[in-house]
Amino acid sequence: MPLLRNPAVVVSLVEASERGNRSRGQADGFGLEILARLRDVKSKDNSLTLLHYIVRVYVRQFQKDATLEKAKFPLPEPSDMERAGLVNFNDIAADLVKLHAQLKNCEAKVQRVLEKSDEEHQEPFRQRMTGFLEKAYQEHREQEENLEECRQK
């Protein structure tokens, strides 16, 4: 994720600014509290802050086709993150178990319909239901894999 490489830009800029200040000595790093003050460090003409500059560098490096106005925020929306934090994996797992049982029930009903109907009346029902069930089982498997992947993270 490009955002994880962005702190390197911040570190190098802050360390470069520290190197120019002889009273502070050599910059070997800095505390995270300085990140909140990036907007306070201004250019000579006060038209640009260090935060603006870091955003411009980020956009130039990782979103080459975007202008500053069209650049995308590299994180999900905060409201989406809040909702994601409320997800209960046990509820989702229980829903997936119920869904699998419903798919099995649907498959059994399709089989009963096919067994009780004449061969000449089975199409296009057989073809459409077979396609539907295959797709449903595939999507169910994908959701189970997604759930396991999310649980591991």
N, C-alpha and C. Protein backbone atom coordinates (compact mmCIF):
# COMPACT_ATOMS: atom_id res chain seq x y z
N MET A 1 0.85 -1.18 0.00
CA MET A 1 0.00 0.00 0.00
C MET A 1 0.89 1.23 0.00
N PRO A 2 0.71 2.14 -0.94
CA PRO A 2 1.58 3.30 -1.03
C PRO A 2 1.57 4.17 0.21
N LEU A 3 0.46 4.21 0.94
CA LEU A 3 0.40 5.05 2.13
C LEU A 3 1.44 4.63 3.16
N LEU A 4 1.75 3.34 3.21
CA LEU A 4 2.74 2.87 4.17
C LEU A 4 4.14 3.36 3.82
N ARG A 5 4.36 3.72 2.55
CA ARG A 5 5.66 4.26 2.16
C ARG A 5 5.73 5.75 2.40
N ASN A 6 4.61 6.40 2.64
CA ASN A 6 4.57 7.84 2.83
C ASN A 6 5.33 8.30 4.08
N PRO A 7 5.33 7.57 5.19
CA PRO A 7 6.12 8.03 6.34
C PRO A 7 7.59 8.23 6.01
N ALA A 8 8.11 7.50 5.03
CA ALA A 8 9.50 7.71 4.63
C ALA A 8 9.69 9.12 4.09
N VAL A 9 8.70 9.63 3.38
CA VAL A 9 8.76 11.00 2.88
C VAL A 9 8.77 11.97 4.06
N VAL A 10 7.89 11.75 5.02
CA VAL A 10 7.81 12.61 6.19
C VAL A 10 9.12 12.58 6.96
N VAL A 11 9.64 11.39 7.21
CA VAL A 11 10.89 11.25 7.97
C VAL A 11 12.02 11.98 7.26
N SER A 12 12.16 11.77 5.97
CA SER A 12 13.27 12.41 5.26
C SER A 12 13.12 13.93 5.25
N LEU A 13 11.90 14.45 5.11
CA LEU A 13 11.71 15.90 5.12
C LEU A 13 12.00 16.50 6.50
N VAL A 14 11.50 15.87 7.54
CA VAL A 14 11.74 16.38 8.89
C VAL A 14 13.22 16.30 9.23
N GLU A 15 13.85 15.19 8.90
CA GLU A 15 15.27 15.07 9.19
C GLU A 15 16.09 16.07 8.39
N ALA A 16 15.70 16.32 7.16
CA ALA A 16 16.41 17.32 6.36
C ALA A 16 16.25 18.71 6.97
N SER A 17 15.07 19.02 7.47
CA SER A 17 14.88 20.33 8.09
C SER A 17 15.65 20.43 9.40
N GLU A 18 15.78 19.34 10.12
CA GLU A 18 16.53 19.34 11.37
C GLU A 18 18.03 19.50 11.11
N ARG A 19 18.52 18.92 10.02
CA ARG A 19 19.95 19.02 9.70
C ARG A 19 20.36 20.46 9.47
N GLY A 20 19.45 21.27 8.97
CA GLY A 20 19.77 22.67 8.71
C GLY A 20 19.84 23.51 9.97
N ASN A 21 19.39 23.00 11.07
CA ASN A 21 19.38 23.75 12.33
C ASN A 21 20.52 23.25 13.20
N ARG A 22 21.58 24.05 13.30
CA ARG A 22 22.77 23.62 14.05
C ARG A 22 22.53 23.55 15.56
N SER A 23 21.58 24.31 16.08
CA SER A 23 21.35 24.30 17.52
C SER A 23 20.70 23.00 17.99
N ARG A 24 20.00 22.32 17.09
CA ARG A 24 19.34 21.07 17.47
C ARG A 24 20.23 19.86 17.21
N GLY A 25 21.26 20.03 16.44
CA GLY A 25 22.17 18.92 16.17
C GLY A 25 21.65 18.01 15.07
N GLN A 26 22.28 16.86 14.95
CA GLN A 26 21.93 15.89 13.90
C GLN A 26 20.59 15.23 14.24
N ALA A 27 19.73 15.13 13.24
CA ALA A 27 18.43 14.49 13.45
C ALA A 27 18.57 13.00 13.20
N ASP A 28 18.34 12.22 14.22
CA ASP A 28 18.39 10.76 14.08
C ASP A 28 17.00 10.16 14.14
N GLY A 29 16.00 10.97 14.00
CA GLY A 29 14.62 10.51 14.10
C GLY A 29 13.83 11.54 14.87
N PHE A 30 12.57 11.27 15.08
CA PHE A 30 11.72 12.20 15.80
C PHE A 30 10.54 11.45 16.37
N GLY A 31 9.89 12.08 17.33
CA GLY A 31 8.70 11.48 17.93
C GLY A 31 7.48 11.71 17.07
N LEU A 32 6.47 10.90 17.27
CA LEU A 32 5.25 11.01 16.47
C LEU A 32 4.48 12.30 16.75
N GLU A 33 4.75 12.94 17.86
CA GLU A 33 4.02 14.17 18.18
C GLU A 33 4.30 15.27 17.15
N ILE A 34 5.42 15.17 16.45
CA ILE A 34 5.74 16.18 15.44
C ILE A 34 4.80 16.10 14.23
N LEU A 35 4.20 14.95 14.00
CA LEU A 35 3.32 14.79 12.84
C LEU A 35 2.12 15.73 12.91
N ALA A 36 1.63 16.01 14.11
CA ALA A 36 0.49 16.92 14.25
C ALA A 36 0.89 18.35 13.93
N ARG A 37 2.18 18.64 13.98
CA ARG A 37 2.63 20.02 13.74
C ARG A 37 3.09 20.25 12.30
N LEU A 38 2.87 19.28 11.42
CA LEU A 38 3.31 19.45 10.03
C LEU A 38 2.63 20.64 9.36
N ARG A 39 1.42 20.93 9.75
CA ARG A 39 0.72 22.05 9.12
C ARG A 39 1.22 23.40 9.65
N ASP A 40 1.98 23.39 10.76
CA ASP A 40 2.50 24.64 11.32
C ASP A 40 3.80 25.07 10.67
N VAL A 41 4.51 24.14 10.03
CA VAL A 41 5.77 24.48 9.37
C VAL A 41 5.43 25.06 8.01
N LYS A 42 5.75 26.36 7.81
CA LYS A 42 5.33 27.05 6.59
C LYS A 42 6.52 27.42 5.73
N SER A 43 6.22 27.64 4.45
CA SER A 43 7.25 28.08 3.52
C SER A 43 7.61 29.54 3.81
N LYS A 44 8.64 30.04 3.12
CA LYS A 44 9.09 31.42 3.37
C LYS A 44 7.99 32.44 3.11
N ASP A 45 7.16 32.18 2.10
CA ASP A 45 6.10 33.15 1.77
C ASP A 45 4.75 32.81 2.43
N ASN A 46 4.74 31.85 3.33
CA ASN A 46 3.53 31.42 4.06
C ASN A 46 2.41 30.91 3.17
N SER A 47 2.73 30.50 1.95
CA SER A 47 1.68 30.01 1.05
C SER A 47 1.55 28.49 1.10
N LEU A 48 2.49 27.83 1.73
CA LEU A 48 2.52 26.37 1.70
C LEU A 48 2.99 25.85 3.06
N THR A 49 2.36 24.78 3.55
CA THR A 49 2.83 24.15 4.78
C THR A 49 3.56 22.86 4.42
N LEU A 50 4.25 22.32 5.39
CA LEU A 50 4.94 21.05 5.17
C LEU A 50 3.93 19.94 4.87
N LEU A 51 2.76 20.02 5.49
CA LEU A 51 1.71 19.04 5.21
C LEU A 51 1.27 19.11 3.75
N HIS A 52 1.07 20.35 3.22
CA HIS A 52 0.73 20.50 1.80
C HIS A 52 1.81 19.88 0.93
N TYR A 53 3.05 20.15 1.28
CA TYR A 53 4.16 19.64 0.47
C TYR A 53 4.19 18.11 0.48
N ILE A 54 3.99 17.51 1.63
CA ILE A 54 4.00 16.05 1.73
C ILE A 54 2.87 15.45 0.90
N VAL A 55 1.70 16.08 0.93
CA VAL A 55 0.58 15.59 0.12
C VAL A 55 0.93 15.69 -1.36
N ARG A 56 1.54 16.80 -1.77
CA ARG A 56 1.94 16.94 -3.18
C ARG A 56 2.95 15.87 -3.59
N VAL A 57 3.93 15.62 -2.73
CA VAL A 57 4.93 14.59 -3.04
C VAL A 57 4.25 13.23 -3.14
N TYR A 58 3.35 12.94 -2.22
CA TYR A 58 2.63 11.67 -2.25
C TYR A 58 1.85 11.52 -3.55
N VAL A 59 1.11 12.54 -3.93
CA VAL A 59 0.29 12.48 -5.15
C VAL A 59 1.20 12.29 -6.36
N ARG A 60 2.30 13.03 -6.42
CA ARG A 60 3.23 12.89 -7.55
C ARG A 60 3.80 11.48 -7.64
N GLN A 61 4.12 10.88 -6.50
CA GLN A 61 4.76 9.56 -6.51
C GLN A 61 3.78 8.42 -6.75
N PHE A 62 2.61 8.48 -6.14
CA PHE A 62 1.74 7.31 -6.11
C PHE A 62 0.43 7.47 -6.88
N GLN A 63 0.11 8.66 -7.30
CA GLN A 63 -1.10 8.88 -8.09
C GLN A 63 -0.73 9.77 -9.27
N LYS A 64 0.15 9.28 -10.10
CA LYS A 64 0.75 10.07 -11.16
C LYS A 64 -0.26 10.72 -12.11
N ASP A 65 -1.37 10.07 -12.38
CA ASP A 65 -2.34 10.60 -13.33
C ASP A 65 -3.30 11.61 -12.71
N ALA A 66 -3.25 11.77 -11.40
CA ALA A 66 -4.23 12.63 -10.71
C ALA A 66 -3.68 14.04 -10.51
N THR A 67 -4.56 15.00 -10.57
CA THR A 67 -4.21 16.36 -10.16
C THR A 67 -4.47 16.45 -8.66
N LEU A 68 -4.03 17.52 -8.04
CA LEU A 68 -4.25 17.65 -6.59
C LEU A 68 -5.74 17.68 -6.26
N GLU A 69 -6.55 18.24 -7.16
CA GLU A 69 -7.99 18.30 -6.90
C GLU A 69 -8.65 16.93 -7.04
N LYS A 70 -8.09 16.07 -7.89
CA LYS A 70 -8.70 14.76 -8.15
C LYS A 70 -8.00 13.62 -7.43
N ALA A 71 -7.02 13.92 -6.61
CA ALA A 71 -6.29 12.87 -5.89
C ALA A 71 -7.23 12.16 -4.93
N LYS A 72 -7.03 10.86 -4.80
CA LYS A 72 -7.89 10.05 -3.94
C LYS A 72 -7.26 9.88 -2.56
N PHE A 73 -8.09 9.96 -1.55
CA PHE A 73 -7.64 9.70 -0.18
C PHE A 73 -7.34 8.22 -0.08
N PRO A 74 -6.13 7.83 0.34
CA PRO A 74 -5.74 6.42 0.28
C PRO A 74 -6.30 5.53 1.38
N LEU A 75 -7.18 6.04 2.20
CA LEU A 75 -7.79 5.24 3.27
C LEU A 75 -9.30 5.20 3.06
N PRO A 76 -9.96 4.20 3.62
CA PRO A 76 -11.43 4.17 3.55
C PRO A 76 -12.02 5.37 4.30
N GLU A 77 -13.26 5.67 3.99
CA GLU A 77 -13.96 6.74 4.69
C GLU A 77 -14.04 6.39 6.18
N PRO A 78 -13.90 7.38 7.07
CA PRO A 78 -13.97 7.10 8.51
C PRO A 78 -15.26 6.40 8.93
N SER A 79 -16.39 6.76 8.33
CA SER A 79 -17.65 6.11 8.71
C SER A 79 -17.63 4.63 8.32
N ASP A 80 -16.98 4.31 7.18
CA ASP A 80 -16.86 2.90 6.78
C ASP A 80 -15.98 2.14 7.76
N MET A 81 -14.94 2.79 8.25
CA MET A 81 -14.05 2.13 9.21
C MET A 81 -14.77 1.88 10.54
N GLU A 82 -15.61 2.84 10.95
CA GLU A 82 -16.39 2.64 12.19
C GLU A 82 -17.33 1.46 12.06
N ARG A 83 -18.03 1.38 10.92
CA ARG A 83 -18.96 0.26 10.71
C ARG A 83 -18.20 -1.05 10.63
N ALA A 84 -17.03 -1.04 10.01
CA ALA A 84 -16.24 -2.27 9.91
C ALA A 84 -15.80 -2.74 11.30
N GLY A 85 -15.56 -1.80 12.20
CA GLY A 85 -15.17 -2.16 13.56
C GLY A 85 -16.29 -2.81 14.35
N LEU A 86 -17.52 -2.63 13.91
CA LEU A 86 -18.67 -3.20 14.61
C LEU A 86 -19.06 -4.58 14.09
N VAL A 87 -18.36 -5.07 13.09
CA VAL A 87 -18.70 -6.36 12.48
C VAL A 87 -18.43 -7.48 13.48
N ASN A 88 -19.41 -8.38 13.62
CA ASN A 88 -19.26 -9.54 14.48
C ASN A 88 -19.08 -10.76 13.59
N PHE A 89 -17.88 -11.32 13.59
CA PHE A 89 -17.56 -12.44 12.70
C PHE A 89 -18.39 -13.68 13.03
N ASN A 90 -18.74 -13.86 14.28
CA ASN A 90 -19.56 -15.03 14.64
C ASN A 90 -20.95 -14.94 14.02
N ASP A 91 -21.51 -13.73 13.98
CA ASP A 91 -22.82 -13.55 13.33
C ASP A 91 -22.74 -13.84 11.84
N ILE A 92 -21.68 -13.39 11.21
CA ILE A 92 -21.50 -13.64 9.78
C ILE A 92 -21.33 -15.13 9.52
N ALA A 93 -20.55 -15.79 10.37
CA ALA A 93 -20.36 -17.24 10.20
C ALA A 93 -21.69 -17.98 10.36
N ALA A 94 -22.49 -17.57 11.33
CA ALA A 94 -23.81 -18.20 11.52
C ALA A 94 -24.71 -17.96 10.31
N ASP A 95 -24.66 -16.75 9.76
CA ASP A 95 -25.45 -16.44 8.56
C ASP A 95 -25.00 -17.29 7.37
N LEU A 96 -23.69 -17.51 7.25
CA LEU A 96 -23.18 -18.34 6.16
C LEU A 96 -23.61 -19.80 6.32
N VAL A 97 -23.67 -20.28 7.55
CA VAL A 97 -24.14 -21.65 7.79
C VAL A 97 -25.62 -21.76 7.40
N LYS A 98 -26.43 -20.77 7.80
CA LYS A 98 -27.85 -20.76 7.43
C LYS A 98 -28.02 -20.71 5.91
N LEU A 99 -27.23 -19.88 5.27
CA LEU A 99 -27.31 -19.74 3.82
C LEU A 99 -26.95 -21.05 3.13
N HIS A 100 -25.95 -21.74 3.64
CA HIS A 100 -25.56 -23.03 3.05
C HIS A 100 -26.69 -24.04 3.20
N ALA A 101 -27.34 -24.05 4.35
CA ALA A 101 -28.48 -24.95 4.55
C ALA A 101 -29.62 -24.61 3.59
N GLN A 102 -29.86 -23.33 3.38
CA GLN A 102 -30.91 -22.92 2.44
C GLN A 102 -30.56 -23.32 1.01
N LEU A 103 -29.28 -23.24 0.66
CA LEU A 103 -28.86 -23.68 -0.68
C LEU A 103 -29.08 -25.18 -0.85
N LYS A 104 -28.75 -25.95 0.18
CA LYS A 104 -28.97 -27.41 0.12
C LYS A 104 -30.46 -27.70 -0.02
N ASN A 105 -31.29 -26.97 0.72
CA ASN A 105 -32.74 -27.14 0.64
C ASN A 105 -33.25 -26.81 -0.77
N CYS A 106 -32.75 -25.74 -1.33
CA CYS A 106 -33.13 -25.35 -2.69
C CYS A 106 -32.71 -26.42 -3.69
N GLU A 107 -31.51 -26.95 -3.52
CA GLU A 107 -31.02 -28.00 -4.42
C GLU A 107 -31.91 -29.24 -4.33
N ALA A 108 -32.33 -29.59 -3.12
CA ALA A 108 -33.22 -30.75 -2.94
C ALA A 108 -34.57 -30.51 -3.61
N LYS A 109 -35.09 -29.30 -3.51
CA LYS A 109 -36.37 -28.98 -4.16
C LYS A 109 -36.24 -29.05 -5.68
N VAL A 110 -35.13 -28.58 -6.21
CA VAL A 110 -34.90 -28.66 -7.66
C VAL A 110 -34.87 -30.12 -8.09
N GLN A 111 -34.20 -30.96 -7.31
CA GLN A 111 -34.13 -32.39 -7.63
C GLN A 111 -35.52 -33.03 -7.63
N ARG A 112 -36.35 -32.67 -6.63
CA ARG A 112 -37.71 -33.21 -6.57
C ARG A 112 -38.53 -32.79 -7.78
N VAL A 113 -38.41 -31.53 -8.17
CA VAL A 113 -39.15 -31.05 -9.34
C VAL A 113 -38.71 -31.81 -10.58
N LEU A 114 -37.40 -32.00 -10.72
CA LEU A 114 -36.89 -32.70 -11.90
C LEU A 114 -37.31 -34.17 -11.90
N GLU A 115 -37.34 -34.80 -10.74
CA GLU A 115 -37.74 -36.21 -10.65
C GLU A 115 -39.22 -36.40 -10.98
N LYS A 116 -40.05 -35.42 -10.63
CA LYS A 116 -41.49 -35.57 -10.82
C LYS A 116 -41.98 -35.06 -12.17
N SER A 117 -41.11 -34.41 -12.92
CA SER A 117 -41.55 -33.88 -14.21
C SER A 117 -41.06 -34.76 -15.35
N ASP A 118 -41.75 -34.67 -16.45
CA ASP A 118 -41.37 -35.43 -17.65
C ASP A 118 -40.07 -34.86 -18.21
N GLU A 119 -39.33 -35.71 -18.89
CA GLU A 119 -38.05 -35.31 -19.49
C GLU A 119 -38.23 -34.12 -20.44
N GLU A 120 -39.31 -34.11 -21.18
CA GLU A 120 -39.53 -33.06 -22.18
C GLU A 120 -39.87 -31.70 -21.56
N HIS A 121 -40.29 -31.69 -20.28
CA HIS A 121 -40.66 -30.44 -19.62
C HIS A 121 -39.57 -29.92 -18.66
N GLN A 122 -38.44 -30.59 -18.62
CA GLN A 122 -37.40 -30.22 -17.66
C GLN A 122 -36.56 -29.02 -18.11
N GLU A 123 -36.43 -28.83 -19.41
CA GLU A 123 -35.65 -27.70 -19.89
C GLU A 123 -36.57 -26.52 -20.13
N PRO A 124 -36.23 -25.32 -19.92
CA PRO A 124 -34.93 -24.76 -19.51
C PRO A 124 -34.75 -24.70 -17.99
N PHE A 125 -35.73 -25.26 -17.23
CA PHE A 125 -35.65 -25.22 -15.76
C PHE A 125 -34.34 -25.83 -15.26
N ARG A 126 -33.98 -27.02 -15.75
CA ARG A 126 -32.77 -27.71 -15.28
C ARG A 126 -31.54 -26.85 -15.54
N GLN A 127 -31.43 -26.33 -16.74
CA GLN A 127 -30.25 -25.54 -17.12
C GLN A 127 -30.14 -24.28 -16.26
N ARG A 128 -31.23 -23.57 -16.10
CA ARG A 128 -31.19 -22.32 -15.32
C ARG A 128 -30.92 -22.58 -13.85
N MET A 129 -31.55 -23.58 -13.29
CA MET A 129 -31.35 -23.87 -11.86
C MET A 129 -29.96 -24.43 -11.59
N THR A 130 -29.44 -25.24 -12.52
CA THR A 130 -28.08 -25.75 -12.36
C THR A 130 -27.09 -24.59 -12.36
N GLY A 131 -27.27 -23.66 -13.30
CA GLY A 131 -26.40 -22.48 -13.34
C GLY A 131 -26.53 -21.63 -12.09
N PHE A 132 -27.77 -21.46 -11.63
CA PHE A 132 -28.01 -20.67 -10.42
C PHE A 132 -27.32 -21.30 -9.21
N LEU A 133 -27.49 -22.62 -9.04
CA LEU A 133 -26.91 -23.29 -7.88
C LEU A 133 -25.39 -23.29 -7.93
N GLU A 134 -24.82 -23.49 -9.11
CA GLU A 134 -23.35 -23.45 -9.22
C GLU A 134 -22.82 -22.08 -8.83
N LYS A 135 -23.47 -21.03 -9.33
CA LYS A 135 -23.05 -19.67 -9.00
C LYS A 135 -23.24 -19.39 -7.51
N ALA A 136 -24.36 -19.83 -6.95
CA ALA A 136 -24.63 -19.60 -5.53
C ALA A 136 -23.60 -20.30 -4.64
N TYR A 137 -23.27 -21.55 -4.97
CA TYR A 137 -22.26 -22.27 -4.18
C TYR A 137 -20.89 -21.61 -4.32
N GLN A 138 -20.56 -21.15 -5.51
CA GLN A 138 -19.27 -20.48 -5.73
C GLN A 138 -19.19 -19.19 -4.91
N GLU A 139 -20.24 -18.39 -4.96
CA GLU A 139 -20.26 -17.15 -4.18
C GLU A 139 -20.22 -17.43 -2.68
N HIS A 140 -20.89 -18.49 -2.26
CA HIS A 140 -20.87 -18.87 -0.84
C HIS A 140 -19.45 -19.24 -0.42
N ARG A 141 -18.76 -20.03 -1.25
CA ARG A 141 -17.37 -20.39 -0.95
C ARG A 141 -16.49 -19.15 -0.86
N GLU A 142 -16.68 -18.21 -1.79
CA GLU A 142 -15.89 -16.98 -1.76
C GLU A 142 -16.13 -16.19 -0.48
N GLN A 143 -17.38 -16.14 -0.03
CA GLN A 143 -17.68 -15.41 1.20
C GLN A 143 -17.08 -16.11 2.42
N GLU A 144 -17.07 -17.43 2.42
CA GLU A 144 -16.42 -18.15 3.52
C GLU A 144 -14.92 -17.87 3.52
N GLU A 145 -14.31 -17.84 2.33
CA GLU A 145 -12.88 -17.51 2.24
C GLU A 145 -12.62 -16.08 2.70
N ASN A 146 -13.49 -15.15 2.31
CA ASN A 146 -13.35 -13.76 2.76
C ASN A 146 -13.44 -13.66 4.28
N LEU A 147 -14.37 -14.40 4.86
CA LEU A 147 -14.53 -14.39 6.31
C LEU A 147 -13.27 -14.90 6.99
N GLU A 148 -12.73 -16.00 6.51
CA GLU A 148 -11.51 -16.55 7.11
C GLU A 148 -10.34 -15.59 6.97
N GLU A 149 -10.24 -14.96 5.82
CA GLU A 149 -9.16 -13.99 5.59
C GLU A 149 -9.29 -12.81 6.55
N CYS A 150 -10.51 -12.33 6.74
CA CYS A 150 -10.73 -11.21 7.67
C CYS A 150 -10.47 -11.61 9.11
N ARG A 151 -10.82 -12.81 9.47
CA ARG A 151 -10.56 -13.28 10.85
C ARG A 151 -9.07 -13.35 11.13
N GLN A 152 -8.29 -13.71 10.12
CA GLN A 152 -6.84 -13.83 10.30
C GLN A 152 -6.16 -12.48 10.42
N LYS A 153 -6.78 -11.46 9.83
CA LYS A 153 -6.19 -10.11 9.89
C LYS A 153 -6.61 -9.48 11.18
